[in-house]
Amino acid sequence: MKFSRMSLLVVLVAATALAGCGSGTDAAEPGKTAAGRESSVVKAMALPFLDQAGLHVGLDKGVFKSEGLDLTAQFFTDSKAGSVAFNSGEVDLGFANYVSLLQIIDNGAKLKIISEGSVGKPGVQAVMVPESSPIKTVKDLEGKKVAVAVLKNVQPLMLNAVLRDAGADPAKVEYVQVPVPNTIAAVEAGQVDAAAFTEPFTSQAAGKGFRLVTDLASGTTQNWPTAGYFVKQEWIDANPKTAAALATALGKAQSLAADRVSVEKVLQLPSYTKMDATTAAAIKLVDFPTAPDAARLQRVIDQMKVEGLLKGGLKAADLIYTPGG
């Protein structure tokens, strides 16, 4: 989905063999120069998601160059094209919401999370209804149709947890997949009773007179990790020093994204979200964690198991990249 992280579930597929990403002569190994040294070149998947602002702030501030990396962001207008490029080796650094990413790893892909992208905050993701709606509480969502960007993904996962916290039955809520740009109109036309929104659409809905039923980052889902950067294990094995430098640089870039002015600046880039200055200044932003947190990520894994979205016994600590590990 545009401006969101909710559309990767059906497009990410198991990683294929590492393709060359290095410089040098034709005889050079993938990921290395002709002299056998690692390449400093890193190609990153860039998508128009708010959660990826840290990468763009880092590029704008020269963080990757300062770590000796020649990182370029290859922009994709949709996650399907970005996923194909990652799987083919056209890009080295991928980005996805955790529900989609964990399912791909669960299906056998050898990937490592090298940096967290975002953690949810109140106001970013919410279930909203028109002011005239009889729906007042989370419990009132039982027996209703709720629009989500992607079925069996981040929004319904989080809302199911919120429903249980409120003593409501998620099985009594009918989720309807609606393209994000059409969500407000779908509610207004009565096609659905309520909708889950993510910024900047949360703010747009509020501007249309929609009111809050529940925040999706509350209770069980408070401080919920939502998306992260990942690389293939093969790429790490071929480029251990480059991988370590990339992890360091991403952490620094995420730290710089704590500055809202810097984030608003990159959101307006023509090659990124193309967001106008007024919208960029008004929306609520996620948190940009500086390092992966196994305990935090395990919460997502555990909740996905509750929903039957994972078949294996994934452990967060095994999925996070550590230099030399």
C-alpha atoms as a PDB file:
ATOM      1  CA  MET A   1       0.000   0.000   0.000  1.00  0.00           C
ATOM      2  CA  LYS A   2       1.195   3.490  -0.563  1.00  0.00           C
ATOM      3  CA  PHE A   3       2.631   5.246   2.478  1.00  0.00           C
ATOM      4  CA  SER A   4       2.233   2.076   4.545  1.00  0.00           C
ATOM      5  CA  ARG A   5       3.802  -1.197   5.418  1.00  0.00           C
ATOM      6  CA  MET A   6       0.765  -3.446   5.072  1.00  0.00           C
ATOM      7  CA  SER A   7       1.147  -4.870   1.543  1.00  0.00           C
ATOM      8  CA  LEU A   8       4.063  -7.295   1.598  1.00  0.00           C
ATOM      9  CA  LEU A   9       2.368 -10.558   2.640  1.00  0.00           C
ATOM     10  CA  VAL A  10       1.523 -11.932  -0.781  1.00  0.00           C
ATOM     11  CA  VAL A  11       4.526 -10.624  -2.648  1.00  0.00           C
ATOM     12  CA  LEU A  12       7.575 -11.716  -0.684  1.00  0.00           C
ATOM     13  CA  VAL A  13       8.795 -15.177  -1.699  1.00  0.00           C
ATOM     14  CA  ALA A  14      11.619 -17.368  -0.424  1.00  0.00           C
ATOM     15  CA  ALA A  15      15.070 -15.930  -1.061  1.00  0.00           C
ATOM     16  CA  THR A  16      17.009 -17.271  -4.012  1.00  0.00           C
ATOM     17  CA  ALA A  17      20.759 -17.611  -4.495  1.00  0.00           C
ATOM     18  CA  LEU A  18      22.810 -14.473  -3.988  1.00  0.00           C
ATOM     19  CA  ALA A  19      23.446 -12.531  -7.174  1.00  0.00           C
ATOM     20  CA  GLY A  20      26.517 -10.367  -7.692  1.00  0.00           C
ATOM     21  CA  CYS A  21      26.516  -6.938  -6.112  1.00  0.00           C
ATOM     22  CA  GLY A  22      30.202  -6.100  -6.255  1.00  0.00           C
ATOM     23  CA  SER A  23      32.357  -4.046  -8.545  1.00  0.00           C
ATOM     24  CA  GLY A  24      35.431  -5.036 -10.505  1.00  0.00           C
ATOM     25  CA  THR A  25      36.065  -7.287 -13.479  1.00  0.00           C
ATOM     26  CA  ASP A  26      33.786 -10.036 -14.748  1.00  0.00           C
ATOM     27  CA  ALA A  27      35.961 -12.607 -13.000  1.00  0.00           C
ATOM     28  CA  ALA A  28      35.301 -11.163  -9.538  1.00  0.00           C
ATOM     29  CA  GLU A  29      33.272 -13.139  -6.992  1.00  0.00           C
ATOM     30  CA  PRO A  30      29.762 -11.870  -6.252  1.00  0.00           C
ATOM     31  CA  GLY A  31      29.994  -9.142  -3.638  1.00  0.00           C
ATOM     32  CA  LYS A  32      33.749  -8.750  -4.003  1.00  0.00           C
ATOM     33  CA  THR A  33      36.202  -6.805  -6.123  1.00  0.00           C
ATOM     34  CA  ALA A  34      38.576  -8.443  -8.591  1.00  0.00           C
ATOM     35  CA  ALA A  35      41.243  -8.369  -5.881  1.00  0.00           C
ATOM     36  CA  GLY A  36      39.020 -10.488  -3.633  1.00  0.00           C
ATOM     37  CA  ARG A  37      38.183  -7.722  -1.180  1.00  0.00           C
ATOM     38  CA  GLU A  38      34.613  -7.051  -0.163  1.00  0.00           C
ATOM     39  CA  SER A  39      32.757  -4.423  -2.108  1.00  0.00           C
ATOM     40  CA  SER A  40      31.575  -1.359  -0.232  1.00  0.00           C
ATOM     41  CA  VAL A  41      28.595  -1.150  -2.586  1.00  0.00           C
ATOM     42  CA  VAL A  42      25.188  -1.800  -1.003  1.00  0.00           C
ATOM     43  CA  LYS A  43      21.944  -1.518  -2.926  1.00  0.00           C
ATOM     44  CA  ALA A  44      18.887  -0.894  -0.775  1.00  0.00           C
ATOM     45  CA  MET A  45      15.217  -1.467  -1.492  1.00  0.00           C
ATOM     46  CA  ALA A  46      13.408   1.843  -1.090  1.00  0.00           C
ATOM     47  CA  LEU A  47       9.621   1.897  -0.753  1.00  0.00           C
ATOM     48  CA  PRO A  48       7.222   4.811  -0.101  1.00  0.00           C
ATOM     49  CA  PHE A  49       6.601   3.767   3.503  1.00  0.00           C
ATOM     50  CA  LEU A  50       6.799   6.130   6.466  1.00  0.00           C
ATOM     51  CA  ASP A  51       8.572   3.388   8.408  1.00  0.00           C
ATOM     52  CA  GLN A  52      11.613   3.612   6.116  1.00  0.00           C
ATOM     53  CA  ALA A  53      12.359   7.260   6.810  1.00  0.00           C
ATOM     54  CA  GLY A  54      15.480   6.330   8.781  1.00  0.00           C
ATOM     55  CA  LEU A  55      17.200   5.051   5.634  1.00  0.00           C
ATOM     56  CA  HIS A  56      16.504   8.280   3.785  1.00  0.00           C
ATOM     57  CA  VAL A  57      17.586  10.467   6.690  1.00  0.00           C
ATOM     58  CA  GLY A  58      20.816   8.476   6.843  1.00  0.00           C
ATOM     59  CA  LEU A  59      21.444   9.025   3.143  1.00  0.00           C
ATOM     60  CA  ASP A  60      20.659  12.726   3.473  1.00  0.00           C
ATOM     61  CA  LYS A  61      23.085  13.065   6.399  1.00  0.00           C
ATOM     62  CA  GLY A  62      25.894  11.038   4.793  1.00  0.00           C
ATOM     63  CA  VAL A  63      25.855   8.341   7.495  1.00  0.00           C
ATOM     64  CA  PHE A  64      26.558   5.457   5.140  1.00  0.00           C
ATOM     65  CA  LYS A  65      29.511   7.200   3.511  1.00  0.00           C
ATOM     66  CA  SER A  66      30.951   7.882   6.936  1.00  0.00           C
ATOM     67  CA  GLU A  67      30.975   4.113   7.553  1.00  0.00           C
ATOM     68  CA  GLY A  68      32.794   3.490   4.274  1.00  0.00           C
ATOM     69  CA  LEU A  69      29.705   2.307   2.403  1.00  0.00           C
ATOM     70  CA  ASP A  70      28.564   3.251  -1.073  1.00  0.00           C
ATOM     71  CA  LEU A  71      24.859   2.759  -0.407  1.00  0.00           C
ATOM     72  CA  THR A  72      22.285   3.640  -3.027  1.00  0.00           C
ATOM     73  CA  ALA A  73      18.529   3.447  -2.599  1.00  0.00           C
ATOM     74  CA  GLN A  74      16.723   1.836  -5.492  1.00  0.00           C
ATOM     75  CA  PHE A  75      13.178   3.130  -5.425  1.00  0.00           C
ATOM     76  CA  PHE A  76      10.193   0.880  -6.099  1.00  0.00           C
ATOM     77  CA  THR A  77       6.642   2.158  -6.300  1.00  0.00           C
ATOM     78  CA  ASP A  78       5.250  -1.089  -4.921  1.00  0.00           C
ATOM     79  CA  SER A  79       6.526  -3.857  -2.692  1.00  0.00           C
ATOM     80  CA  LYS A  80       6.042  -6.588  -5.291  1.00  0.00           C
ATOM     81  CA  ALA A  81       8.675  -5.119  -7.587  1.00  0.00           C
ATOM     82  CA  GLY A  82      11.001  -4.528  -4.637  1.00  0.00           C
ATOM     83  CA  SER A  83      10.626  -8.112  -3.478  1.00  0.00           C
ATOM     84  CA  VAL A  84      11.412  -9.486  -6.930  1.00  0.00           C
ATOM     85  CA  ALA A  85      14.540  -7.322  -7.066  1.00  0.00           C
ATOM     86  CA  PHE A  86      15.656  -8.529  -3.633  1.00  0.00           C
ATOM     87  CA  ASN A  87      15.087 -12.179  -4.456  1.00  0.00           C
ATOM     88  CA  SER A  88      17.062 -11.874  -7.706  1.00  0.00           C
ATOM     89  CA  GLY A  89      19.990 -10.137  -6.015  1.00  0.00           C
ATOM     90  CA  GLU A  90      19.385  -6.800  -7.702  1.00  0.00           C
ATOM     91  CA  VAL A  91      19.220  -5.227  -4.247  1.00  0.00           C
ATOM     92  CA  ASP A  92      21.018  -6.369  -1.086  1.00  0.00           C
ATOM     93  CA  LEU A  93      19.026  -4.685   1.671  1.00  0.00           C
ATOM     94  CA  GLY A  94      15.322  -5.462   1.915  1.00  0.00           C
ATOM     95  CA  PHE A  95      12.525  -3.907   3.947  1.00  0.00           C
ATOM     96  CA  ALA A  96       9.221  -5.423   5.093  1.00  0.00           C
ATOM     97  CA  ASN A  97       6.603  -5.427   7.794  1.00  0.00           C
ATOM     98  CA  TYR A  98       7.355  -8.111  10.358  1.00  0.00           C
ATOM     99  CA  VAL A  99       4.255 -10.221   9.783  1.00  0.00           C
ATOM    100  CA  SER A 100       5.161 -10.743   6.132  1.00  0.00           C
ATOM    101  CA  LEU A 101       8.875 -11.121   6.837  1.00  0.00           C
ATOM    102  CA  LEU A 102       8.397 -13.670   9.621  1.00  0.00           C
ATOM    103  CA  GLN A 103       6.128 -15.761   7.438  1.00  0.00           C
ATOM    104  CA  ILE A 104       8.757 -15.838   4.694  1.00  0.00           C
ATOM    105  CA  ILE A 105      11.428 -16.926   7.189  1.00  0.00           C
ATOM    106  CA  ASP A 106       8.985 -19.478   8.576  1.00  0.00           C
ATOM    107  CA  ASN A 107       8.743 -20.885   5.032  1.00  0.00           C
ATOM    108  CA  GLY A 108      12.494 -21.459   4.897  1.00  0.00           C
ATOM    109  CA  ALA A 109      14.107 -18.265   3.621  1.00  0.00           C
ATOM    110  CA  LYS A 110      17.581 -17.725   5.099  1.00  0.00           C
ATOM    111  CA  LEU A 111      17.324 -14.087   6.109  1.00  0.00           C
ATOM    112  CA  LYS A 112      18.609 -11.995   8.987  1.00  0.00           C
ATOM    113  CA  ILE A 113      17.103  -8.826  10.436  1.00  0.00           C
ATOM    114  CA  ILE A 114      19.951  -6.346  10.364  1.00  0.00           C
ATOM    115  CA  SER A 115      18.075  -3.317  11.722  1.00  0.00           C
ATOM    116  CA  GLU A 116      14.627  -2.499  13.022  1.00  0.00           C
ATOM    117  CA  GLY A 117      12.706   0.011  10.965  1.00  0.00           C
ATOM    118  CA  SER A 118       9.850   1.155  13.135  1.00  0.00           C
ATOM    119  CA  VAL A 119       7.906   0.696  16.354  1.00  0.00           C
ATOM    120  CA  GLY A 120       4.287   1.764  16.558  1.00  0.00           C
ATOM    121  CA  LYS A 121       3.177   4.773  18.571  1.00  0.00           C
ATOM    122  CA  PRO A 122      -0.292   5.950  19.573  1.00  0.00           C
ATOM    123  CA  GLY A 123      -2.043   7.844  16.808  1.00  0.00           C
ATOM    124  CA  VAL A 124      -0.214   6.236  13.904  1.00  0.00           C
ATOM    125  CA  GLN A 125      -2.538   3.248  13.428  1.00  0.00           C
ATOM    126  CA  ALA A 126      -6.149   3.386  14.509  1.00  0.00           C
ATOM    127  CA  VAL A 127      -9.638   2.017  13.901  1.00  0.00           C
ATOM    128  CA  MET A 128     -11.953   4.888  13.042  1.00  0.00           C
ATOM    129  CA  VAL A 129     -15.583   5.491  12.123  1.00  0.00           C
ATOM    130  CA  PRO A 130     -17.666   8.460  10.969  1.00  0.00           C
ATOM    131  CA  GLU A 131     -18.927  10.704  13.739  1.00  0.00           C
ATOM    132  CA  SER A 132     -22.499   9.456  13.208  1.00  0.00           C
ATOM    133  CA  SER A 133     -21.588   5.771  13.624  1.00  0.00           C
ATOM    134  CA  PRO A 134     -23.232   3.858  16.474  1.00  0.00           C
ATOM    135  CA  ILE A 135     -19.870   2.133  17.113  1.00  0.00           C
ATOM    136  CA  LYS A 136     -18.435   3.624  20.296  1.00  0.00           C
ATOM    137  CA  THR A 137     -16.217   0.944  21.810  1.00  0.00           C
ATOM    138  CA  VAL A 138     -14.012  -1.941  20.729  1.00  0.00           C
ATOM    139  CA  LYS A 139     -16.727  -4.352  21.869  1.00  0.00           C
ATOM    140  CA  ASP A 140     -19.102  -2.688  19.407  1.00  0.00           C
ATOM    141  CA  LEU A 141     -16.964  -3.976  16.526  1.00  0.00           C
ATOM    142  CA  GLU A 142     -18.384  -7.478  17.050  1.00  0.00           C
ATOM    143  CA  GLY A 143     -20.709  -8.322  14.182  1.00  0.00           C
ATOM    144  CA  LYS A 144     -19.312  -5.487  12.068  1.00  0.00           C
ATOM    145  CA  LYS A 145     -17.251  -5.249   8.888  1.00  0.00           C
ATOM    146  CA  VAL A 146     -13.834  -3.644   9.326  1.00  0.00           C
ATOM    147  CA  ALA A 147     -11.702  -2.570   6.362  1.00  0.00           C
ATOM    148  CA  VAL A 148      -8.007  -3.504   6.447  1.00  0.00           C
ATOM    149  CA  ALA A 149      -5.244  -3.077   3.902  1.00  0.00           C
ATOM    150  CA  VAL A 150      -4.280  -6.770   3.813  1.00  0.00           C
ATOM    151  CA  LEU A 151      -6.063  -9.756   5.333  1.00  0.00           C
ATOM    152  CA  LYS A 152      -4.183 -11.832   7.920  1.00  0.00           C
ATOM    153  CA  ASN A 153      -1.467  -9.213   8.256  1.00  0.00           C
ATOM    154  CA  VAL A 154      -0.440  -6.398  10.571  1.00  0.00           C
ATOM    155  CA  GLN A 155      -3.726  -4.536  11.023  1.00  0.00           C
ATOM    156  CA  PRO A 156      -5.986  -7.532  11.804  1.00  0.00           C
ATOM    157  CA  LEU A 157      -3.225  -9.067  13.943  1.00  0.00           C
ATOM    158  CA  MET A 158      -3.006  -5.953  16.091  1.00  0.00           C
ATOM    159  CA  LEU A 159      -6.747  -5.379  16.218  1.00  0.00           C
ATOM    160  CA  ASN A 160      -7.396  -8.979  17.276  1.00  0.00           C
ATOM    161  CA  ALA A 161      -5.049  -8.443  20.219  1.00  0.00           C
ATOM    162  CA  VAL A 162      -6.839  -5.201  21.135  1.00  0.00           C
ATOM    163  CA  LEU A 163     -10.210  -6.964  20.851  1.00  0.00           C
ATOM    164  CA  ARG A 164      -9.096  -9.700  23.234  1.00  0.00           C
ATOM    165  CA  ASP A 165      -7.780  -7.088  25.671  1.00  0.00           C
ATOM    166  CA  ALA A 166     -11.281  -5.579  25.689  1.00  0.00           C
ATOM    167  CA  GLY A 167     -13.014  -8.916  26.192  1.00  0.00           C
ATOM    168  CA  ALA A 168     -14.349  -8.969  22.628  1.00  0.00           C
ATOM    169  CA  ASP A 169     -14.290 -11.947  20.257  1.00  0.00           C
ATOM    170  CA  PRO A 170     -12.153 -11.430  17.114  1.00  0.00           C
ATOM    171  CA  ALA A 171     -14.057 -14.255  15.396  1.00  0.00           C
ATOM    172  CA  LYS A 172     -17.136 -12.013  15.410  1.00  0.00           C
ATOM    173  CA  VAL A 173     -15.407  -9.299  13.360  1.00  0.00           C
ATOM    174  CA  GLU A 174     -15.491  -9.576   9.565  1.00  0.00           C
ATOM    175  CA  TYR A 175     -12.348  -8.191   7.955  1.00  0.00           C
ATOM    176  CA  VAL A 176     -12.675  -6.828   4.440  1.00  0.00           C
ATOM    177  CA  GLN A 177      -9.627  -6.066   2.303  1.00  0.00           C
ATOM    178  CA  VAL A 178      -9.947  -2.599   0.807  1.00  0.00           C
ATOM    179  CA  PRO A 179      -7.302  -0.718  -1.217  1.00  0.00           C
ATOM    180  CA  VAL A 180      -5.955   1.996   1.033  1.00  0.00           C
ATOM    181  CA  PRO A 181      -6.882   4.970  -1.189  1.00  0.00           C
ATOM    182  CA  ASN A 182     -10.501   3.711  -1.245  1.00  0.00           C
ATOM    183  CA  THR A 183     -10.910   3.105   2.482  1.00  0.00           C
ATOM    184  CA  ILE A 184     -12.560   6.369   3.513  1.00  0.00           C
ATOM    185  CA  ALA A 185     -14.989   6.142   0.609  1.00  0.00           C
ATOM    186  CA  ALA A 186     -15.794   2.510   1.475  1.00  0.00           C
ATOM    187  CA  VAL A 187     -16.791   3.518   5.006  1.00  0.00           C
ATOM    188  CA  GLU A 188     -18.780   6.517   3.837  1.00  0.00           C
ATOM    189  CA  ALA A 189     -20.625   4.333   1.283  1.00  0.00           C
ATOM    190  CA  GLY A 190     -21.553   1.799   3.951  1.00  0.00           C
ATOM    191  CA  GLN A 191     -19.543  -1.020   2.363  1.00  0.00           C
ATOM    192  CA  VAL A 192     -17.813  -1.468   5.734  1.00  0.00           C
ATOM    193  CA  ASP A 193     -18.706  -0.227   9.207  1.00  0.00           C
ATOM    194  CA  ALA A 194     -15.227   0.825  10.343  1.00  0.00           C
ATOM    195  CA  ALA A 195     -11.676   0.894   9.034  1.00  0.00           C
ATOM    196  CA  ALA A 196      -8.115   0.482  10.220  1.00  0.00           C
ATOM    197  CA  PHE A 197      -5.947   3.391   9.117  1.00  0.00           C
ATOM    198  CA  THR A 198      -2.218   4.064   9.083  1.00  0.00           C
ATOM    199  CA  GLU A 199      -0.609   7.478   8.701  1.00  0.00           C
ATOM    200  CA  PRO A 200      -0.949   9.627   6.670  1.00  0.00           C
ATOM    201  CA  PHE A 201      -4.436   8.182   6.150  1.00  0.00           C
ATOM    202  CA  THR A 202      -5.210   8.293   9.881  1.00  0.00           C
ATOM    203  CA  SER A 203      -4.855  12.080   9.756  1.00  0.00           C
ATOM    204  CA  GLN A 204      -6.800  12.263   6.501  1.00  0.00           C
ATOM    205  CA  ALA A 205      -9.690  10.333   8.038  1.00  0.00           C
ATOM    206  CA  ALA A 206      -9.672  12.631  11.072  1.00  0.00           C
ATOM    207  CA  GLY A 207      -9.822  15.590   8.693  1.00  0.00           C
ATOM    208  CA  LYS A 208     -12.930  14.046   7.136  1.00  0.00           C
ATOM    209  CA  GLY A 209     -14.648  13.953  10.515  1.00  0.00           C
ATOM    210  CA  PHE A 210     -13.867  10.358  11.439  1.00  0.00           C
ATOM    211  CA  ARG A 211     -13.440   9.639  15.146  1.00  0.00           C
ATOM    212  CA  LEU A 212     -11.348   7.132  17.039  1.00  0.00           C
ATOM    213  CA  VAL A 213     -12.729   3.788  18.200  1.00  0.00           C
ATOM    214  CA  THR A 214      -9.402   2.366  19.318  1.00  0.00           C
ATOM    215  CA  ASP A 215      -5.719   2.905  18.815  1.00  0.00           C
ATOM    216  CA  LEU A 216      -3.968  -0.163  17.467  1.00  0.00           C
ATOM    217  CA  ALA A 217      -0.823   0.512  19.514  1.00  0.00           C
ATOM    218  CA  SER A 218      -2.320  -0.066  22.947  1.00  0.00           C
ATOM    219  CA  GLY A 219      -2.389  -2.744  25.593  1.00  0.00           C
ATOM    220  CA  THR A 220      -0.851  -5.933  24.215  1.00  0.00           C
ATOM    221  CA  THR A 221       0.330  -4.049  21.132  1.00  0.00           C
ATOM    222  CA  GLN A 222       1.867  -1.043  22.861  1.00  0.00           C
ATOM    223  CA  ASN A 223       5.389  -0.356  21.538  1.00  0.00           C
ATOM    224  CA  TRP A 224       4.738  -2.936  18.825  1.00  0.00           C
ATOM    225  CA  PRO A 225       7.583  -3.485  16.325  1.00  0.00           C
ATOM    226  CA  THR A 226       6.171  -3.071  12.856  1.00  0.00           C
ATOM    227  CA  ALA A 227       8.890  -3.305  10.191  1.00  0.00           C
ATOM    228  CA  GLY A 228      12.568  -3.998   9.672  1.00  0.00           C
ATOM    229  CA  TYR A 229      15.519  -4.210   7.301  1.00  0.00           C
ATOM    230  CA  PHE A 230      16.871  -7.605   6.312  1.00  0.00           C
ATOM    231  CA  VAL A 231      19.592  -9.253   4.228  1.00  0.00           C
ATOM    232  CA  LYS A 232      20.290 -12.763   2.985  1.00  0.00           C
ATOM    233  CA  GLN A 233      22.519 -14.977   5.091  1.00  0.00           C
ATOM    234  CA  GLU A 234      24.485 -15.664   1.895  1.00  0.00           C
ATOM    235  CA  TRP A 235      25.211 -11.976   1.515  1.00  0.00           C
ATOM    236  CA  ILE A 236      26.424 -11.750   5.109  1.00  0.00           C
ATOM    237  CA  ASP A 237      28.693 -14.753   4.597  1.00  0.00           C
ATOM    238  CA  ALA A 238      30.192 -13.182   1.469  1.00  0.00           C
ATOM    239  CA  ASN A 239      30.458  -9.688   2.961  1.00  0.00           C
ATOM    240  CA  PRO A 240      30.985  -9.929   6.738  1.00  0.00           C
ATOM    241  CA  LYS A 241      32.779  -6.581   7.131  1.00  0.00           C
ATOM    242  CA  THR A 242      30.314  -4.778   4.881  1.00  0.00           C
ATOM    243  CA  ALA A 243      27.417  -6.296   6.828  1.00  0.00           C
ATOM    244  CA  ALA A 244      28.876  -5.090  10.125  1.00  0.00           C
ATOM    245  CA  ALA A 245      29.368  -1.584   8.729  1.00  0.00           C
ATOM    246  CA  LEU A 246      25.829  -1.593   7.365  1.00  0.00           C
ATOM    247  CA  ALA A 247      24.365  -2.554  10.744  1.00  0.00           C
ATOM    248  CA  THR A 248      26.309   0.262  12.404  1.00  0.00           C
ATOM    249  CA  ALA A 249      25.266   2.795   9.778  1.00  0.00           C
ATOM    250  CA  LEU A 250      21.599   1.840   9.961  1.00  0.00           C
ATOM    251  CA  GLY A 251      21.663   2.253  13.731  1.00  0.00           C
ATOM    252  CA  LYS A 252      23.095   5.752  13.354  1.00  0.00           C
ATOM    253  CA  ALA A 253      20.579   6.611  10.646  1.00  0.00           C
ATOM    254  CA  GLN A 254      17.712   5.460  12.862  1.00  0.00           C
ATOM    255  CA  SER A 255      19.033   7.620  15.663  1.00  0.00           C
ATOM    256  CA  LEU A 256      19.046  10.678  13.401  1.00  0.00           C
ATOM    257  CA  ALA A 257      15.429   9.945  12.450  1.00  0.00           C
ATOM    258  CA  ALA A 258      14.457  10.950  15.984  1.00  0.00           C
ATOM    259  CA  ASP A 259      14.726  14.517  14.655  1.00  0.00           C
ATOM    260  CA  ARG A 260      11.286  15.245  13.224  1.00  0.00           C
ATOM    261  CA  VAL A 261      12.543  18.087  11.049  1.00  0.00           C
ATOM    262  CA  SER A 262      14.920  15.689   9.295  1.00  0.00           C
ATOM    263  CA  VAL A 263      12.139  13.166   8.734  1.00  0.00           C
ATOM    264  CA  GLU A 264       9.752  15.778   7.357  1.00  0.00           C
ATOM    265  CA  LYS A 265      12.458  16.872   4.925  1.00  0.00           C
ATOM    266  CA  VAL A 266      12.971  13.417   3.434  1.00  0.00           C
ATOM    267  CA  LEU A 267       9.234  12.639   3.295  1.00  0.00           C
ATOM    268  CA  GLN A 268       8.942  15.430   0.744  1.00  0.00           C
ATOM    269  CA  LEU A 269      11.592  14.019  -1.601  1.00  0.00           C
ATOM    270  CA  PRO A 270      10.259  13.363  -5.139  1.00  0.00           C
ATOM    271  CA  SER A 271      11.915   9.935  -5.018  1.00  0.00           C
ATOM    272  CA  TYR A 272      10.291   9.029  -1.701  1.00  0.00           C
ATOM    273  CA  THR A 273       6.725   9.744  -0.540  1.00  0.00           C
ATOM    274  CA  LYS A 274       6.389  13.109  -2.349  1.00  0.00           C
ATOM    275  CA  MET A 275       4.423  14.270   0.675  1.00  0.00           C
ATOM    276  CA  ASP A 276       3.590  17.948   0.802  1.00  0.00           C
ATOM    277  CA  ALA A 277       5.017  20.021   3.629  1.00  0.00           C
ATOM    278  CA  THR A 278       1.659  20.546   5.342  1.00  0.00           C
ATOM    279  CA  THR A 279       0.926  16.810   5.513  1.00  0.00           C
ATOM    280  CA  ALA A 280       4.465  15.973   6.615  1.00  0.00           C
ATOM    281  CA  ALA A 281       4.221  18.460   9.470  1.00  0.00           C
ATOM    282  CA  ALA A 282       0.821  17.180  10.653  1.00  0.00           C
ATOM    283  CA  ILE A 283       1.157  13.395  10.684  1.00  0.00           C
ATOM    284  CA  LYS A 284       2.154  11.333  13.681  1.00  0.00           C
ATOM    285  CA  LEU A 285       5.371   9.374  13.254  1.00  0.00           C
ATOM    286  CA  VAL A 286       6.469   5.958  14.426  1.00  0.00           C
ATOM    287  CA  ASP A 287       9.509   5.475  16.619  1.00  0.00           C
ATOM    288  CA  PHE A 288      12.759   4.580  14.853  1.00  0.00           C
ATOM    289  CA  PRO A 289      14.637   2.100  17.095  1.00  0.00           C
ATOM    290  CA  THR A 290      18.406   2.082  16.782  1.00  0.00           C
ATOM    291  CA  ALA A 291      18.948  -1.662  17.242  1.00  0.00           C
ATOM    292  CA  PRO A 292      16.897  -4.863  16.964  1.00  0.00           C
ATOM    293  CA  ASP A 293      15.318  -6.020  20.202  1.00  0.00           C
ATOM    294  CA  ALA A 294      14.725  -9.778  20.456  1.00  0.00           C
ATOM    295  CA  ALA A 295      12.237  -9.525  23.316  1.00  0.00           C
ATOM    296  CA  ARG A 296      10.187  -6.951  21.436  1.00  0.00           C
ATOM    297  CA  LEU A 297      10.198  -8.983  18.216  1.00  0.00           C
ATOM    298  CA  GLN A 298       9.267 -12.157  20.092  1.00  0.00           C
ATOM    299  CA  ARG A 299       5.976 -10.507  21.029  1.00  0.00           C
ATOM    300  CA  VAL A 300       5.055 -10.385  17.342  1.00  0.00           C
ATOM    301  CA  ILE A 301       6.039 -14.020  16.872  1.00  0.00           C
ATOM    302  CA  ASP A 302       3.975 -15.082  19.873  1.00  0.00           C
ATOM    303  CA  GLN A 303       0.929 -13.142  18.689  1.00  0.00           C
ATOM    304  CA  MET A 304       1.246 -14.600  15.192  1.00  0.00           C
ATOM    305  CA  LYS A 305       1.230 -18.083  16.716  1.00  0.00           C
ATOM    306  CA  VAL A 306      -1.986 -17.222  18.549  1.00  0.00           C
ATOM    307  CA  GLU A 307      -3.522 -16.262  15.197  1.00  0.00           C
ATOM    308  CA  GLY A 308      -2.203 -19.340  13.418  1.00  0.00           C
ATOM    309  CA  LEU A 309       0.000 -17.289  11.089  1.00  0.00           C
ATOM    310  CA  LEU A 310       3.181 -19.276  11.781  1.00  0.00           C
ATOM    311  CA  LYS A 311       3.728 -23.003  11.467  1.00  0.00           C
ATOM    312  CA  GLY A 312       7.223 -23.270  12.955  1.00  0.00           C
ATOM    313  CA  GLY A 313       8.914 -22.476  16.248  1.00  0.00           C
ATOM    314  CA  LEU A 314      10.686 -19.243  15.349  1.00  0.00           C
ATOM    315  CA  LYS A 315      12.778 -17.559  18.014  1.00  0.00           C
ATOM    316  CA  ALA A 316      13.488 -13.866  17.615  1.00  0.00           C
ATOM    317  CA  ALA A 317      17.048 -14.135  18.936  1.00  0.00           C
ATOM    318  CA  ASP A 318      17.913 -16.505  16.089  1.00  0.00           C
ATOM    319  CA  LEU A 319      16.656 -14.092  13.431  1.00  0.00           C
ATOM    320  CA  ILE A 320      18.671 -11.017  14.383  1.00  0.00           C
ATOM    321  CA  TYR A 321      22.023 -10.334  12.756  1.00  0.00           C
ATOM    322  CA  THR A 322      25.044 -10.046  15.028  1.00  0.00           C
ATOM    323  CA  PRO A 323      28.511  -9.273  13.632  1.00  0.00           C
ATOM    324  CA  GLY A 324      30.564 -12.452  13.500  1.00  0.00           C
ATOM    325  CA  GLY A 325      27.512 -14.520  14.390  1.00  0.00           C
END
